[in-house]
N, C-alpha and C. Protein backbone atom coordinates (compact mmCIF):
# COMPACT_ATOMS: atom_id res chain seq x y z
N UNK A 1 -62.26 50.61 -20.52
CA UNK A 1 -63.22 50.50 -19.44
C UNK A 1 -62.44 50.45 -18.13
N UNK A 2 -62.85 51.23 -17.17
CA UNK A 2 -62.19 51.24 -15.87
C UNK A 2 -63.22 51.00 -14.78
N UNK A 3 -62.71 50.67 -13.62
CA UNK A 3 -63.54 50.48 -12.41
C UNK A 3 -64.61 49.41 -12.58
N UNK A 4 -64.31 48.37 -13.34
CA UNK A 4 -65.27 47.28 -13.54
C UNK A 4 -65.12 46.21 -12.47
N UNK A 5 -64.04 46.24 -11.71
CA UNK A 5 -63.86 45.29 -10.63
C UNK A 5 -63.28 43.95 -11.03
N UNK A 6 -63.05 43.73 -12.32
CA UNK A 6 -62.49 42.46 -12.77
C UNK A 6 -60.97 42.56 -12.67
N UNK A 7 -60.35 41.65 -11.95
CA UNK A 7 -58.89 41.70 -11.80
C UNK A 7 -58.17 41.69 -13.16
N UNK A 8 -57.12 42.47 -13.26
CA UNK A 8 -56.35 42.59 -14.51
C UNK A 8 -55.86 41.23 -14.99
N UNK A 9 -55.49 40.35 -14.08
CA UNK A 9 -55.01 39.02 -14.45
C UNK A 9 -56.10 38.24 -15.19
N UNK A 10 -57.34 38.40 -14.77
CA UNK A 10 -58.46 37.71 -15.44
C UNK A 10 -58.65 38.26 -16.85
N UNK A 11 -58.59 39.57 -16.98
CA UNK A 11 -58.72 40.20 -18.29
C UNK A 11 -57.60 39.71 -19.22
N UNK A 12 -56.37 39.70 -18.71
CA UNK A 12 -55.23 39.26 -19.52
C UNK A 12 -55.35 37.80 -19.93
N UNK A 13 -55.84 36.95 -19.03
CA UNK A 13 -56.01 35.53 -19.35
C UNK A 13 -57.06 35.34 -20.44
N UNK A 14 -58.16 36.07 -20.36
CA UNK A 14 -59.20 35.96 -21.38
C UNK A 14 -58.68 36.44 -22.73
N UNK A 15 -57.92 37.53 -22.74
CA UNK A 15 -57.35 38.03 -23.99
C UNK A 15 -56.35 37.03 -24.58
N UNK A 16 -55.56 36.41 -23.72
CA UNK A 16 -54.59 35.41 -24.17
C UNK A 16 -55.30 34.22 -24.82
N UNK A 17 -56.32 33.71 -24.17
CA UNK A 17 -57.05 32.55 -24.71
C UNK A 17 -57.77 32.94 -26.01
N UNK A 18 -58.29 34.15 -26.07
CA UNK A 18 -58.94 34.61 -27.31
C UNK A 18 -57.92 34.68 -28.44
N UNK A 19 -56.74 35.21 -28.15
CA UNK A 19 -55.69 35.26 -29.19
C UNK A 19 -55.31 33.85 -29.63
N UNK A 20 -55.19 32.94 -28.68
CA UNK A 20 -54.85 31.56 -29.02
C UNK A 20 -55.94 30.93 -29.89
N UNK A 21 -57.18 31.17 -29.53
CA UNK A 21 -58.29 30.60 -30.31
C UNK A 21 -58.28 31.15 -31.73
N UNK A 22 -58.20 32.46 -31.88
CA UNK A 22 -58.28 33.05 -33.21
C UNK A 22 -57.00 32.84 -34.02
N UNK A 23 -55.95 32.33 -33.38
CA UNK A 23 -54.71 31.99 -34.09
C UNK A 23 -54.69 30.54 -34.55
N UNK A 24 -55.70 29.77 -34.19
CA UNK A 24 -55.77 28.38 -34.61
C UNK A 24 -55.85 28.31 -36.13
N UNK A 25 -55.45 27.18 -36.70
CA UNK A 25 -55.58 27.01 -38.16
C UNK A 25 -57.05 27.14 -38.58
N UNK A 26 -57.25 27.66 -39.75
CA UNK A 26 -58.61 27.90 -40.27
C UNK A 26 -59.46 26.63 -40.24
N UNK A 27 -58.83 25.48 -40.51
CA UNK A 27 -59.58 24.21 -40.51
C UNK A 27 -60.17 23.91 -39.13
N UNK A 28 -59.43 24.25 -38.10
CA UNK A 28 -59.90 24.01 -36.73
C UNK A 28 -61.06 24.96 -36.39
N UNK A 29 -60.91 26.22 -36.77
CA UNK A 29 -61.96 27.20 -36.48
C UNK A 29 -63.23 26.92 -37.29
N UNK A 30 -63.08 26.43 -38.50
CA UNK A 30 -64.24 26.18 -39.35
C UNK A 30 -65.17 25.11 -38.78
N UNK A 31 -64.68 24.30 -37.88
CA UNK A 31 -65.53 23.30 -37.23
C UNK A 31 -66.66 23.98 -36.46
N UNK A 32 -66.45 25.23 -36.07
CA UNK A 32 -67.43 25.96 -35.28
C UNK A 32 -68.16 27.03 -36.08
N UNK A 33 -67.79 27.21 -37.34
CA UNK A 33 -68.37 28.28 -38.14
C UNK A 33 -69.82 28.01 -38.47
N UNK A 34 -70.65 29.06 -38.36
CA UNK A 34 -72.06 28.95 -38.71
C UNK A 34 -72.63 30.34 -38.96
N UNK A 35 -73.59 30.40 -39.87
CA UNK A 35 -74.35 31.64 -40.08
C UNK A 35 -75.69 31.58 -39.37
N UNK A 36 -75.95 30.50 -38.67
CA UNK A 36 -77.23 30.31 -37.99
C UNK A 36 -77.25 31.10 -36.68
N UNK A 37 -78.01 32.19 -36.61
CA UNK A 37 -78.02 33.03 -35.40
C UNK A 37 -78.65 32.35 -34.19
N UNK A 38 -79.34 31.24 -34.39
CA UNK A 38 -79.96 30.56 -33.25
C UNK A 38 -79.00 29.63 -32.51
N UNK A 39 -77.83 29.37 -33.10
CA UNK A 39 -76.86 28.48 -32.45
C UNK A 39 -76.29 29.14 -31.21
N UNK A 40 -76.18 28.37 -30.15
CA UNK A 40 -75.65 28.89 -28.89
C UNK A 40 -74.12 28.94 -28.89
N UNK A 41 -73.51 28.19 -29.77
CA UNK A 41 -72.05 28.24 -29.95
C UNK A 41 -71.80 28.36 -31.44
N UNK A 42 -71.14 29.45 -31.82
CA UNK A 42 -70.81 29.59 -33.23
C UNK A 42 -69.71 30.61 -33.44
N UNK A 43 -68.93 30.33 -34.43
CA UNK A 43 -67.93 31.26 -34.91
C UNK A 43 -68.53 31.89 -36.16
N UNK A 44 -68.42 33.19 -36.25
CA UNK A 44 -68.96 33.86 -37.42
C UNK A 44 -68.11 35.07 -37.73
N UNK A 45 -68.44 35.72 -38.84
CA UNK A 45 -67.66 36.86 -39.27
C UNK A 45 -68.56 37.87 -39.96
N UNK A 46 -68.32 39.14 -39.69
CA UNK A 46 -69.11 40.27 -40.19
C UNK A 46 -70.59 40.07 -39.91
N UNK A 47 -71.33 41.15 -40.04
CA UNK A 47 -72.75 41.08 -39.70
C UNK A 47 -73.57 40.54 -40.86
N UNK A 48 -73.44 41.14 -42.01
CA UNK A 48 -74.17 40.67 -43.17
C UNK A 48 -73.29 40.86 -44.39
N UNK A 49 -72.40 39.97 -44.57
CA UNK A 49 -71.37 40.07 -45.60
C UNK A 49 -71.95 40.23 -47.00
N UNK A 50 -73.06 39.60 -47.29
CA UNK A 50 -73.63 39.64 -48.63
C UNK A 50 -74.34 40.95 -48.94
N UNK A 51 -74.83 41.65 -47.90
CA UNK A 51 -75.59 42.87 -48.12
C UNK A 51 -74.81 44.14 -47.84
N UNK A 52 -73.75 44.06 -47.07
CA UNK A 52 -72.99 45.26 -46.72
C UNK A 52 -72.19 45.75 -47.92
N UNK A 53 -72.21 47.06 -48.11
CA UNK A 53 -71.36 47.63 -49.16
C UNK A 53 -70.00 48.00 -48.58
N UNK A 54 -69.98 48.38 -47.32
CA UNK A 54 -68.73 48.62 -46.61
C UNK A 54 -68.67 47.55 -45.53
N UNK A 55 -67.64 46.74 -45.57
CA UNK A 55 -67.56 45.61 -44.64
C UNK A 55 -66.92 46.02 -43.33
N UNK A 56 -67.65 45.83 -42.26
CA UNK A 56 -67.13 46.00 -40.91
C UNK A 56 -66.66 44.62 -40.48
N UNK A 57 -65.49 44.25 -40.94
CA UNK A 57 -65.02 42.88 -40.76
C UNK A 57 -64.68 42.59 -39.31
N UNK A 58 -65.22 41.54 -38.80
CA UNK A 58 -64.89 41.10 -37.45
C UNK A 58 -65.18 39.61 -37.37
N UNK A 59 -64.35 38.93 -36.65
CA UNK A 59 -64.60 37.52 -36.35
C UNK A 59 -65.00 37.46 -34.89
N UNK A 60 -65.97 36.64 -34.59
CA UNK A 60 -66.37 36.50 -33.19
C UNK A 60 -66.78 35.07 -32.90
N UNK A 61 -66.62 34.73 -31.64
CA UNK A 61 -67.04 33.42 -31.15
C UNK A 61 -68.15 33.67 -30.15
N UNK A 62 -69.31 33.17 -30.44
CA UNK A 62 -70.45 33.34 -29.55
C UNK A 62 -70.54 32.12 -28.65
N UNK A 63 -70.55 32.38 -27.36
CA UNK A 63 -70.66 31.32 -26.35
C UNK A 63 -71.78 31.65 -25.39
N UNK A 64 -72.64 30.73 -25.13
CA UNK A 64 -73.56 30.90 -24.02
C UNK A 64 -72.84 30.35 -22.79
N UNK A 65 -73.04 31.00 -21.65
CA UNK A 65 -72.27 30.57 -20.48
C UNK A 65 -73.04 30.66 -19.17
N UNK A 66 -74.34 30.89 -19.21
CA UNK A 66 -75.08 30.91 -17.95
C UNK A 66 -76.39 30.18 -18.11
N UNK A 67 -76.63 29.19 -17.30
CA UNK A 67 -75.74 28.63 -16.29
C UNK A 67 -74.62 27.82 -16.95
N UNK A 68 -73.46 27.98 -16.43
CA UNK A 68 -72.24 27.42 -17.00
C UNK A 68 -72.35 25.92 -17.26
N UNK A 69 -72.90 25.18 -16.31
CA UNK A 69 -72.96 23.72 -16.45
C UNK A 69 -73.84 23.28 -17.63
N UNK A 70 -74.70 24.14 -18.12
CA UNK A 70 -75.55 23.78 -19.25
C UNK A 70 -74.85 23.96 -20.60
N UNK A 71 -73.76 24.72 -20.63
CA UNK A 71 -73.16 25.06 -21.91
C UNK A 71 -71.70 24.69 -22.07
N UNK A 72 -70.98 24.52 -20.98
CA UNK A 72 -69.53 24.33 -21.08
C UNK A 72 -69.16 23.09 -21.90
N UNK A 73 -70.00 22.07 -21.89
CA UNK A 73 -69.70 20.86 -22.66
C UNK A 73 -69.68 21.12 -24.17
N UNK A 74 -70.33 22.20 -24.62
CA UNK A 74 -70.36 22.54 -26.05
C UNK A 74 -69.17 23.40 -26.48
N UNK A 75 -68.46 23.96 -25.53
CA UNK A 75 -67.38 24.89 -25.85
C UNK A 75 -66.23 24.20 -26.56
N UNK A 76 -65.42 24.98 -27.27
CA UNK A 76 -64.26 24.41 -27.97
C UNK A 76 -63.28 23.72 -27.01
N UNK A 77 -62.66 22.69 -27.51
CA UNK A 77 -61.63 21.98 -26.74
C UNK A 77 -60.23 22.40 -27.19
N UNK A 78 -60.18 23.30 -28.13
CA UNK A 78 -58.91 23.78 -28.64
C UNK A 78 -58.96 25.30 -28.70
N UNK A 79 -58.03 26.00 -28.11
CA UNK A 79 -56.83 25.54 -27.43
C UNK A 79 -57.19 24.76 -26.16
N UNK A 80 -56.29 23.89 -25.73
CA UNK A 80 -56.58 22.99 -24.61
C UNK A 80 -57.01 23.70 -23.32
N UNK A 81 -56.55 24.90 -23.08
CA UNK A 81 -56.91 25.61 -21.84
C UNK A 81 -58.16 26.48 -22.00
N UNK A 82 -58.84 26.40 -23.14
CA UNK A 82 -59.98 27.27 -23.40
C UNK A 82 -61.07 27.15 -22.35
N UNK A 83 -61.59 25.93 -22.16
CA UNK A 83 -62.71 25.75 -21.24
C UNK A 83 -62.37 26.19 -19.82
N UNK A 84 -61.21 25.80 -19.34
CA UNK A 84 -60.83 26.15 -17.98
C UNK A 84 -60.64 27.66 -17.83
N UNK A 85 -59.91 28.26 -18.73
CA UNK A 85 -59.63 29.69 -18.62
C UNK A 85 -60.90 30.53 -18.74
N UNK A 86 -61.72 30.23 -19.73
CA UNK A 86 -62.93 31.03 -19.94
C UNK A 86 -63.94 30.79 -18.83
N UNK A 87 -64.10 29.56 -18.37
CA UNK A 87 -65.07 29.30 -17.30
C UNK A 87 -64.64 29.96 -16.00
N UNK A 88 -63.35 29.91 -15.66
CA UNK A 88 -62.89 30.60 -14.45
C UNK A 88 -63.07 32.10 -14.59
N UNK A 89 -62.75 32.63 -15.76
CA UNK A 89 -62.92 34.06 -15.99
C UNK A 89 -64.39 34.45 -15.87
N UNK A 90 -65.27 33.63 -16.45
CA UNK A 90 -66.70 33.91 -16.35
C UNK A 90 -67.17 33.91 -14.90
N UNK A 91 -66.74 32.92 -14.14
CA UNK A 91 -67.16 32.85 -12.74
C UNK A 91 -66.64 34.04 -11.94
N UNK A 92 -65.42 34.46 -12.20
CA UNK A 92 -64.87 35.63 -11.50
C UNK A 92 -65.62 36.89 -11.93
N UNK A 93 -65.89 37.02 -13.22
CA UNK A 93 -66.65 38.17 -13.71
C UNK A 93 -68.04 38.20 -13.10
N UNK A 94 -68.71 37.07 -13.07
CA UNK A 94 -70.05 36.98 -12.48
C UNK A 94 -70.00 37.38 -11.00
N UNK A 95 -69.00 36.89 -10.28
CA UNK A 95 -68.84 37.23 -8.87
C UNK A 95 -68.62 38.73 -8.71
N UNK A 96 -67.78 39.33 -9.54
CA UNK A 96 -67.51 40.77 -9.47
C UNK A 96 -68.77 41.59 -9.71
N UNK A 97 -69.56 41.18 -10.70
CA UNK A 97 -70.81 41.89 -10.99
C UNK A 97 -71.76 41.79 -9.81
N UNK A 98 -71.92 40.59 -9.26
CA UNK A 98 -72.84 40.41 -8.12
C UNK A 98 -72.35 41.20 -6.90
N UNK A 99 -71.05 41.19 -6.65
CA UNK A 99 -70.48 41.91 -5.52
C UNK A 99 -70.76 43.40 -5.67
N UNK A 100 -70.55 43.94 -6.88
CA UNK A 100 -70.80 45.36 -7.12
C UNK A 100 -72.27 45.70 -6.95
N UNK A 101 -73.15 44.83 -7.41
CA UNK A 101 -74.59 45.09 -7.27
C UNK A 101 -74.96 45.15 -5.80
N UNK A 102 -74.42 44.25 -5.01
CA UNK A 102 -74.74 44.23 -3.59
C UNK A 102 -74.20 45.46 -2.87
N UNK A 103 -73.02 45.91 -3.27
CA UNK A 103 -72.37 47.03 -2.58
C UNK A 103 -72.75 48.40 -3.13
N UNK A 104 -73.46 48.45 -4.25
CA UNK A 104 -73.86 49.73 -4.80
C UNK A 104 -75.30 50.07 -4.44
N UNK A 105 -75.92 49.23 -3.66
CA UNK A 105 -77.31 49.49 -3.25
C UNK A 105 -77.36 50.58 -2.25
């Protein structure tokens, strides 16, 4: 993706924190694991593991983040820089989107 307006440093920081999170020991990640699609914070894997004949394996962490103050308290505390890095990245991304909307009118 190009021309999105998000500074490269922000993208790199989010990727770094994501790598750190997904590199945590399985026991730490399992604290957040859930198959409940209604959860606002959950770690899950694949779409429908029991019904798929060909597995499109992926692990993902679902976070709600808007408005940030309503959800940040639920976010993982490990890795230690997770909340700060992701919240700053979210705020910068939100600012970039709003700036582009205003300037593309």
